[in-house]
């Protein structure tokens, strides 16, 4: 119970009472990243062209290393 006029507890990213992020929220964040920063966030599984998908995977592996888990995409 809180008293009227009492300050709110601090907000935290660890707040478990918060609802999970929806697909619409994630897509809105992707759009904002594209418009504001020129950053594209596309799930690899949504890239239908095999050559383009592999090229993007190769570049991501070169920059940040291989993923731990997920599908091997043909391996």
PDB file of N, CA and C in Angstrom:
ATOM      1  N   UNK A   1       0.849  -1.182   0.000  1.00  0.00           N
ATOM      2  CA  UNK A   1       0.000   0.000   0.000  1.00  0.00           C
ATOM      3  C   UNK A   1       0.886   1.233   0.000  1.00  0.00           C
ATOM      4  N   UNK A   2       0.539   2.196  -0.821  1.00  0.00           N
ATOM      5  CA  UNK A   2       1.285   3.451  -0.847  1.00  0.00           C
ATOM      6  C   UNK A   2       0.393   4.574  -0.354  1.00  0.00           C
ATOM      7  N   UNK A   3       1.009   5.547   0.190  1.00  0.00           N
ATOM      8  CA  UNK A   3       0.283   6.708   0.688  1.00  0.00           C
ATOM      9  C   UNK A   3      -0.041   7.662  -0.458  1.00  0.00           C
ATOM     10  N   UNK A   4      -1.140   8.370  -0.379  1.00  0.00           N
ATOM     11  CA  UNK A   4      -1.445   9.343  -1.425  1.00  0.00           C
ATOM     12  C   UNK A   4      -0.339  10.399  -1.513  1.00  0.00           C
ATOM     13  N   UNK A   5       0.086  10.697  -2.713  1.00  0.00           N
ATOM     14  CA  UNK A   5       1.131  11.695  -2.916  1.00  0.00           C
ATOM     15  C   UNK A   5       2.536  11.159  -2.752  1.00  0.00           C
ATOM     16  N   UNK A   6       2.674   9.867  -2.434  1.00  0.00           N
ATOM     17  CA  UNK A   6       4.004   9.275  -2.268  1.00  0.00           C
ATOM     18  C   UNK A   6       4.662   9.153  -3.642  1.00  0.00           C
ATOM     19  N   UNK A   7       5.974   9.251  -3.689  1.00  0.00           N
ATOM     20  CA  UNK A   7       6.643   9.121  -4.985  1.00  0.00           C
ATOM     21  C   UNK A   7       6.494   7.700  -5.535  1.00  0.00           C
ATOM     22  N   UNK A   8       6.526   7.613  -6.851  1.00  0.00           N
ATOM     23  CA  UNK A   8       6.441   6.316  -7.516  1.00  0.00           C
ATOM     24  C   UNK A   8       7.772   5.578  -7.351  1.00  0.00           C
ATOM     25  N   UNK A   9       7.739   4.264  -7.304  1.00  0.00           N
ATOM     26  CA  UNK A   9       9.003   3.529  -7.236  1.00  0.00           C
ATOM     27  C   UNK A   9       9.791   3.738  -8.530  1.00  0.00           C
ATOM     28  N   UNK A  10      11.098   3.613  -8.483  1.00  0.00           N
ATOM     29  CA  UNK A  10      11.902   3.818  -9.691  1.00  0.00           C
ATOM     30  C   UNK A  10      11.570   2.782 -10.757  1.00  0.00           C
ATOM     31  N   UNK A  11      11.671   3.199 -12.022  1.00  0.00           N
ATOM     32  CA  UNK A  11      11.435   2.276 -13.129  1.00  0.00           C
ATOM     33  C   UNK A  11      12.713   1.506 -13.411  1.00  0.00           C
ATOM     34  N   UNK A  12      12.534   0.278 -13.848  1.00  0.00           N
ATOM     35  CA  UNK A  12      13.680  -0.580 -14.108  1.00  0.00           C
ATOM     36  C   UNK A  12      13.391  -1.477 -15.307  1.00  0.00           C
ATOM     37  N   UNK A  13      14.436  -1.801 -16.071  1.00  0.00           N
ATOM     38  CA  UNK A  13      14.259  -2.745 -17.163  1.00  0.00           C
ATOM     39  C   UNK A  13      14.023  -4.149 -16.635  1.00  0.00           C
ATOM     40  N   UNK A  14      14.208  -4.342 -15.360  1.00  0.00           N
ATOM     41  CA  UNK A  14      13.972  -5.646 -14.742  1.00  0.00           C
ATOM     42  C   UNK A  14      12.560  -5.773 -14.187  1.00  0.00           C
ATOM     43  N   UNK A  15      11.704  -4.793 -14.479  1.00  0.00           N
ATOM     44  CA  UNK A  15      10.333  -4.787 -13.994  1.00  0.00           C
ATOM     45  C   UNK A  15       9.571  -5.937 -14.646  1.00  0.00           C
ATOM     46  N   UNK A  16       9.273  -6.965 -13.891  1.00  0.00           N
ATOM     47  CA  UNK A  16       8.614  -8.147 -14.429  1.00  0.00           C
ATOM     48  C   UNK A  16       7.118  -7.951 -14.608  1.00  0.00           C
ATOM     49  N   UNK A  17       6.559  -6.876 -14.091  1.00  0.00           N
ATOM     50  CA  UNK A  17       5.134  -6.627 -14.224  1.00  0.00           C
ATOM     51  C   UNK A  17       4.813  -6.033 -15.596  1.00  0.00           C
ATOM     52  N   UNK A  18       5.808  -5.658 -16.344  1.00  0.00           N
ATOM     53  CA  UNK A  18       5.606  -5.048 -17.656  1.00  0.00           C
ATOM     54  C   UNK A  18       5.228  -6.122 -18.669  1.00  0.00           C
ATOM     55  N   UNK A  19       4.327  -5.771 -19.573  1.00  0.00           N
ATOM     56  CA  UNK A  19       3.908  -6.745 -20.581  1.00  0.00           C
ATOM     57  C   UNK A  19       5.017  -6.926 -21.611  1.00  0.00           C
ATOM     58  N   UNK A  20       5.093  -8.098 -22.240  1.00  0.00           N
ATOM     59  CA  UNK A  20       6.147  -8.337 -23.230  1.00  0.00           C
ATOM     60  C   UNK A  20       5.968  -7.457 -24.463  1.00  0.00           C
ATOM     61  N   UNK A  21       7.052  -7.225 -25.155  1.00  0.00           N
ATOM     62  CA  UNK A  21       7.022  -6.424 -26.365  1.00  0.00           C
ATOM     63  C   UNK A  21       6.280  -7.193 -27.451  1.00  0.00           C
ATOM     64  N   UNK A  22       5.378  -6.504 -28.132  1.00  0.00           N
ATOM     65  CA  UNK A  22       4.597  -7.145 -29.186  1.00  0.00           C
ATOM     66  C   UNK A  22       5.334  -7.054 -30.518  1.00  0.00           C
ATOM     67  N   UNK A  23       4.873  -7.832 -31.505  1.00  0.00           N
ATOM     68  CA  UNK A  23       5.455  -7.770 -32.842  1.00  0.00           C
ATOM     69  C   UNK A  23       5.315  -6.369 -33.434  1.00  0.00           C
ATOM     70  N   UNK A  24       4.183  -5.724 -33.162  1.00  0.00           N
ATOM     71  CA  UNK A  24       3.974  -4.360 -33.667  1.00  0.00           C
ATOM     72  C   UNK A  24       4.987  -3.398 -33.049  1.00  0.00           C
ATOM     73  N   UNK A  25       5.287  -3.577 -31.755  1.00  0.00           N
ATOM     74  CA  UNK A  25       6.285  -2.732 -31.090  1.00  0.00           C
ATOM     75  C   UNK A  25       7.664  -2.934 -31.705  1.00  0.00           C
ATOM     76  N   UNK A  26       8.025  -4.178 -31.956  1.00  0.00           N
ATOM     77  CA  UNK A  26       9.336  -4.484 -32.538  1.00  0.00           C
ATOM     78  C   UNK A  26       9.441  -3.874 -33.937  1.00  0.00           C
ATOM     79  N   UNK A  27       8.377  -4.010 -34.735  1.00  0.00           N
ATOM     80  CA  UNK A  27       8.408  -3.423 -36.074  1.00  0.00           C
ATOM     81  C   UNK A  27       8.494  -1.907 -36.027  1.00  0.00           C
ATOM     82  N   UNK A  28       7.844  -1.286 -35.045  1.00  0.00           N
ATOM     83  CA  UNK A  28       7.948   0.163 -34.889  1.00  0.00           C
ATOM     84  C   UNK A  28       9.377   0.567 -34.518  1.00  0.00           C
ATOM     85  N   UNK A  29      10.045  -0.231 -33.683  1.00  0.00           N
ATOM     86  CA  UNK A  29      11.442   0.057 -33.334  1.00  0.00           C
ATOM     87  C   UNK A  29      12.348  -0.106 -34.549  1.00  0.00           C
ATOM     88  N   UNK A  30      12.070  -1.118 -35.374  1.00  0.00           N
ATOM     89  CA  UNK A  30      12.857  -1.311 -36.599  1.00  0.00           C
ATOM     90  C   UNK A  30      12.691  -0.123 -37.542  1.00  0.00           C
ATOM     91  N   UNK A  31      11.458   0.336 -37.693  1.00  0.00           N
ATOM     92  CA  UNK A  31      11.199   1.479 -38.566  1.00  0.00           C
ATOM     93  C   UNK A  31      11.904   2.731 -38.045  1.00  0.00           C
ATOM     94  N   UNK A  32      11.854   2.940 -36.738  1.00  0.00           N
ATOM     95  CA  UNK A  32      12.518   4.104 -36.147  1.00  0.00           C
ATOM     96  C   UNK A  32      14.030   4.030 -36.347  1.00  0.00           C
ATOM     97  N   UNK A  33      14.608   2.836 -36.183  1.00  0.00           N
ATOM     98  CA  UNK A  33      16.053   2.680 -36.389  1.00  0.00           C
ATOM     99  C   UNK A  33      16.422   3.002 -37.829  1.00  0.00           C
ATOM    100  N   UNK A  34      15.589   2.583 -38.776  1.00  0.00           N
ATOM    101  CA  UNK A  34      15.856   2.860 -40.184  1.00  0.00           C
ATOM    102  C   UNK A  34      15.771   4.357 -40.469  1.00  0.00           C
ATOM    103  N   UNK A  35      14.702   4.992 -40.013  1.00  0.00           N
ATOM    104  CA  UNK A  35      14.490   6.407 -40.314  1.00  0.00           C
ATOM    105  C   UNK A  35      15.468   7.325 -39.592  1.00  0.00           C
ATOM    106  N   UNK A  36      15.767   7.018 -38.353  1.00  0.00           N
ATOM    107  CA  UNK A  36      16.634   7.909 -37.565  1.00  0.00           C
ATOM    108  C   UNK A  36      18.117   7.644 -37.756  1.00  0.00           C
ATOM    109  N   UNK A  37      18.482   6.364 -37.870  1.00  0.00           N
ATOM    110  CA  UNK A  37      19.896   5.994 -37.855  1.00  0.00           C
ATOM    111  C   UNK A  37      20.396   5.356 -39.145  1.00  0.00           C
ATOM    112  N   UNK A  38      19.478   5.001 -40.036  1.00  0.00           N
ATOM    113  CA  UNK A  38      19.880   4.298 -41.243  1.00  0.00           C
ATOM    114  C   UNK A  38      20.284   2.863 -40.966  1.00  0.00           C
ATOM    115  N   UNK A  39      19.777   2.295 -39.887  1.00  0.00           N
ATOM    116  CA  UNK A  39      20.093   0.920 -39.491  1.00  0.00           C
ATOM    117  C   UNK A  39      18.925   0.023 -39.887  1.00  0.00           C
ATOM    118  N   UNK A  40      19.233  -1.094 -40.536  1.00  0.00           N
ATOM    119  CA  UNK A  40      18.202  -2.042 -40.946  1.00  0.00           C
ATOM    120  C   UNK A  40      18.259  -3.256 -40.023  1.00  0.00           C
ATOM    121  N   UNK A  41      17.112  -3.663 -39.529  1.00  0.00           N
ATOM    122  CA  UNK A  41      17.022  -4.856 -38.678  1.00  0.00           C
ATOM    123  C   UNK A  41      15.994  -5.795 -39.304  1.00  0.00           C
ATOM    124  N   UNK A  42      16.489  -6.786 -40.033  1.00  0.00           N
ATOM    125  CA  UNK A  42      15.627  -7.757 -40.696  1.00  0.00           C
ATOM    126  C   UNK A  42      16.000  -9.141 -40.190  1.00  0.00           C
ATOM    127  N   UNK A  43      15.034  -9.909 -39.682  1.00  0.00           N
ATOM    128  CA  UNK A  43      15.358 -11.274 -39.281  1.00  0.00           C
ATOM    129  C   UNK A  43      15.866 -12.072 -40.482  1.00  0.00           C
ATOM    130  N   UNK A  44      16.940 -12.798 -40.300  1.00  0.00           N
ATOM    131  CA  UNK A  44      17.559 -13.547 -41.389  1.00  0.00           C
ATOM    132  C   UNK A  44      16.566 -14.525 -42.011  1.00  0.00           C
ATOM    133  N   UNK A  45      15.707 -15.117 -41.199  1.00  0.00           N
ATOM    134  CA  UNK A  45      14.738 -16.082 -41.705  1.00  0.00           C
ATOM    135  C   UNK A  45      13.708 -15.448 -42.643  1.00  0.00           C
ATOM    136  N   UNK A  46      13.567 -14.126 -42.617  1.00  0.00           N
ATOM    137  CA  UNK A  46      12.619 -13.439 -43.493  1.00  0.00           C
ATOM    138  C   UNK A  46      13.223 -13.075 -44.849  1.00  0.00           C
ATOM    139  N   UNK A  47      14.518 -13.284 -45.028  1.00  0.00           N
ATOM    140  CA  UNK A  47      15.166 -12.992 -46.310  1.00  0.00           C
ATOM    141  C   UNK A  47      15.010 -14.231 -47.183  1.00  0.00           C
ATOM    142  N   UNK A  48      14.226 -14.089 -48.249  1.00  0.00           N
ATOM    143  CA  UNK A  48      13.888 -15.264 -49.065  1.00  0.00           C
ATOM    144  C   UNK A  48      14.933 -15.595 -50.117  1.00  0.00           C
ATOM    145  N   UNK A  49      15.722 -14.631 -50.528  1.00  0.00           N
ATOM    146  CA  UNK A  49      16.744 -14.896 -51.536  1.00  0.00           C
ATOM    147  C   UNK A  49      17.951 -15.563 -50.867  1.00  0.00           C
ATOM    148  N   UNK A  50      18.279 -16.818 -51.250  1.00  0.00           N
ATOM    149  CA  UNK A  50      19.359 -17.542 -50.568  1.00  0.00           C
ATOM    150  C   UNK A  50      20.718 -16.851 -50.677  1.00  0.00           C
ATOM    151  N   UNK A  51      21.028 -16.273 -51.819  1.00  0.00           N
ATOM    152  CA  UNK A  51      22.315 -15.611 -52.001  1.00  0.00           C
ATOM    153  C   UNK A  51      22.431 -14.388 -51.091  1.00  0.00           C
ATOM    154  N   UNK A  52      21.380 -13.570 -51.069  1.00  0.00           N
ATOM    155  CA  UNK A  52      21.383 -12.376 -50.228  1.00  0.00           C
ATOM    156  C   UNK A  52      21.435 -12.743 -48.748  1.00  0.00           C
ATOM    157  N   UNK A  53      20.653 -13.769 -48.353  1.00  0.00           N
ATOM    158  CA  UNK A  53      20.653 -14.204 -46.956  1.00  0.00           C
ATOM    159  C   UNK A  53      22.050 -14.643 -46.531  1.00  0.00           C
ATOM    160  N   UNK A  54      22.718 -15.429 -47.366  1.00  0.00           N
ATOM    161  CA  UNK A  54      24.055 -15.907 -47.019  1.00  0.00           C
ATOM    162  C   UNK A  54      25.056 -14.765 -46.975  1.00  0.00           C
ATOM    163  N   UNK A  55      24.926 -13.793 -47.887  1.00  0.00           N
ATOM    164  CA  UNK A  55      25.828 -12.640 -47.877  1.00  0.00           C
ATOM    165  C   UNK A  55      25.681 -11.845 -46.581  1.00  0.00           C
ATOM    166  N   UNK A  56      24.452 -11.686 -46.116  1.00  0.00           N
ATOM    167  CA  UNK A  56      24.218 -10.945 -44.862  1.00  0.00           C
ATOM    168  C   UNK A  56      24.750 -11.737 -43.676  1.00  0.00           C
ATOM    169  N   UNK A  57      24.537 -13.047 -43.666  1.00  0.00           N
ATOM    170  CA  UNK A  57      25.075 -13.891 -42.589  1.00  0.00           C
ATOM    171  C   UNK A  57      26.598 -13.804 -42.570  1.00  0.00           C
ATOM    172  N   UNK A  58      27.212 -13.867 -43.737  1.00  0.00           N
ATOM    173  CA  UNK A  58      28.673 -13.789 -43.805  1.00  0.00           C
ATOM    174  C   UNK A  58      29.186 -12.465 -43.251  1.00  0.00           C
ATOM    175  N   UNK A  59      28.534 -11.371 -43.605  1.00  0.00           N
ATOM    176  CA  UNK A  59      28.978 -10.068 -43.115  1.00  0.00           C
ATOM    177  C   UNK A  59      28.789  -9.947 -41.604  1.00  0.00           C
ATOM    178  N   UNK A  60      27.665 -10.447 -41.094  1.00  0.00           N
ATOM    179  CA  UNK A  60      27.435 -10.416 -39.646  1.00  0.00           C
ATOM    180  C   UNK A  60      28.471 -11.270 -38.913  1.00  0.00           C
ATOM    181  N   UNK A  61      28.783 -12.439 -39.465  1.00  0.00           N
ATOM    182  CA  UNK A  61      29.811 -13.289 -38.852  1.00  0.00           C
ATOM    183  C   UNK A  61      31.169 -12.597 -38.862  1.00  0.00           C
ATOM    184  N   UNK A  62      31.474 -11.904 -39.940  1.00  0.00           N
ATOM    185  CA  UNK A  62      32.756 -11.196 -40.027  1.00  0.00           C
ATOM    186  C   UNK A  62      32.839 -10.090 -38.979  1.00  0.00           C
ATOM    187  N   UNK A  63      31.749  -9.364 -38.807  1.00  0.00           N
ATOM    188  CA  UNK A  63      31.761  -8.228 -37.869  1.00  0.00           C
ATOM    189  C   UNK A  63      31.674  -8.646 -36.412  1.00  0.00           C
ATOM    190  N   UNK A  64      30.766  -9.589 -36.111  1.00  0.00           N
ATOM    191  CA  UNK A  64      30.453  -9.862 -34.712  1.00  0.00           C
ATOM    192  C   UNK A  64      30.678 -11.304 -34.289  1.00  0.00           C
ATOM    193  N   UNK A  65      31.124 -12.160 -35.195  1.00  0.00           N
ATOM    194  CA  UNK A  65      31.332 -13.562 -34.846  1.00  0.00           C
ATOM    195  C   UNK A  65      30.073 -14.382 -35.075  1.00  0.00           C
ATOM    196  N   UNK A  66      30.257 -15.699 -35.019  1.00  0.00           N
ATOM    197  CA  UNK A  66      29.142 -16.597 -35.262  1.00  0.00           C
ATOM    198  C   UNK A  66      28.139 -16.556 -34.126  1.00  0.00           C
ATOM    199  N   UNK A  67      26.890 -16.849 -34.471  1.00  0.00           N
ATOM    200  CA  UNK A  67      25.826 -16.899 -33.477  1.00  0.00           C
ATOM    201  C   UNK A  67      25.943 -18.175 -32.659  1.00  0.00           C
ATOM    202  N   UNK A  68      25.508 -18.114 -31.418  1.00  0.00           N
ATOM    203  CA  UNK A  68      25.435 -19.289 -30.547  1.00  0.00           C
ATOM    204  C   UNK A  68      24.011 -19.809 -30.563  1.00  0.00           C
ATOM    205  N   UNK A  69      23.716 -20.722 -31.459  1.00  0.00           N
ATOM    206  CA  UNK A  69      22.364 -21.259 -31.564  1.00  0.00           C
ATOM    207  C   UNK A  69      21.709 -20.800 -32.847  1.00  0.00           C
ATOM    208  N   UNK A  70      20.427 -21.078 -32.951  1.00  0.00           N
ATOM    209  CA  UNK A  70      19.709 -20.754 -34.158  1.00  0.00           C
ATOM    210  C   UNK A  70      19.984 -21.798 -35.224  1.00  0.00           C
ATOM    211  N   UNK A  71      19.376 -21.610 -36.367  1.00  0.00           N
ATOM    212  CA  UNK A  71      19.543 -22.567 -37.452  1.00  0.00           C
ATOM    213  C   UNK A  71      20.847 -22.316 -38.185  1.00  0.00           C
ATOM    214  N   UNK A  72      21.368 -23.354 -38.795  1.00  0.00           N
ATOM    215  CA  UNK A  72      22.610 -23.251 -39.538  1.00  0.00           C
ATOM    216  C   UNK A  72      22.430 -22.758 -40.955  1.00  0.00           C
ATOM    217  N   UNK A  73      21.186 -22.647 -41.441  1.00  0.00           N
ATOM    218  CA  UNK A  73      20.899 -22.202 -42.802  1.00  0.00           C
ATOM    219  C   UNK A  73      21.709 -22.986 -43.831  1.00  0.00           C
ATOM    220  N   UNK A  74      21.391 -24.269 -43.929  1.00  0.00           N
ATOM    221  CA  UNK A  74      22.021 -25.097 -44.938  1.00  0.00           C
ATOM    222  C   UNK A  74      23.264 -25.821 -44.474  1.00  0.00           C
ATOM    223  N   UNK A  75      23.592 -25.726 -43.229  1.00  0.00           N
ATOM    224  CA  UNK A  75      24.784 -26.418 -42.720  1.00  0.00           C
ATOM    225  C   UNK A  75      24.375 -27.606 -41.893  1.00  0.00           C
TER     226      UNK A  75
END
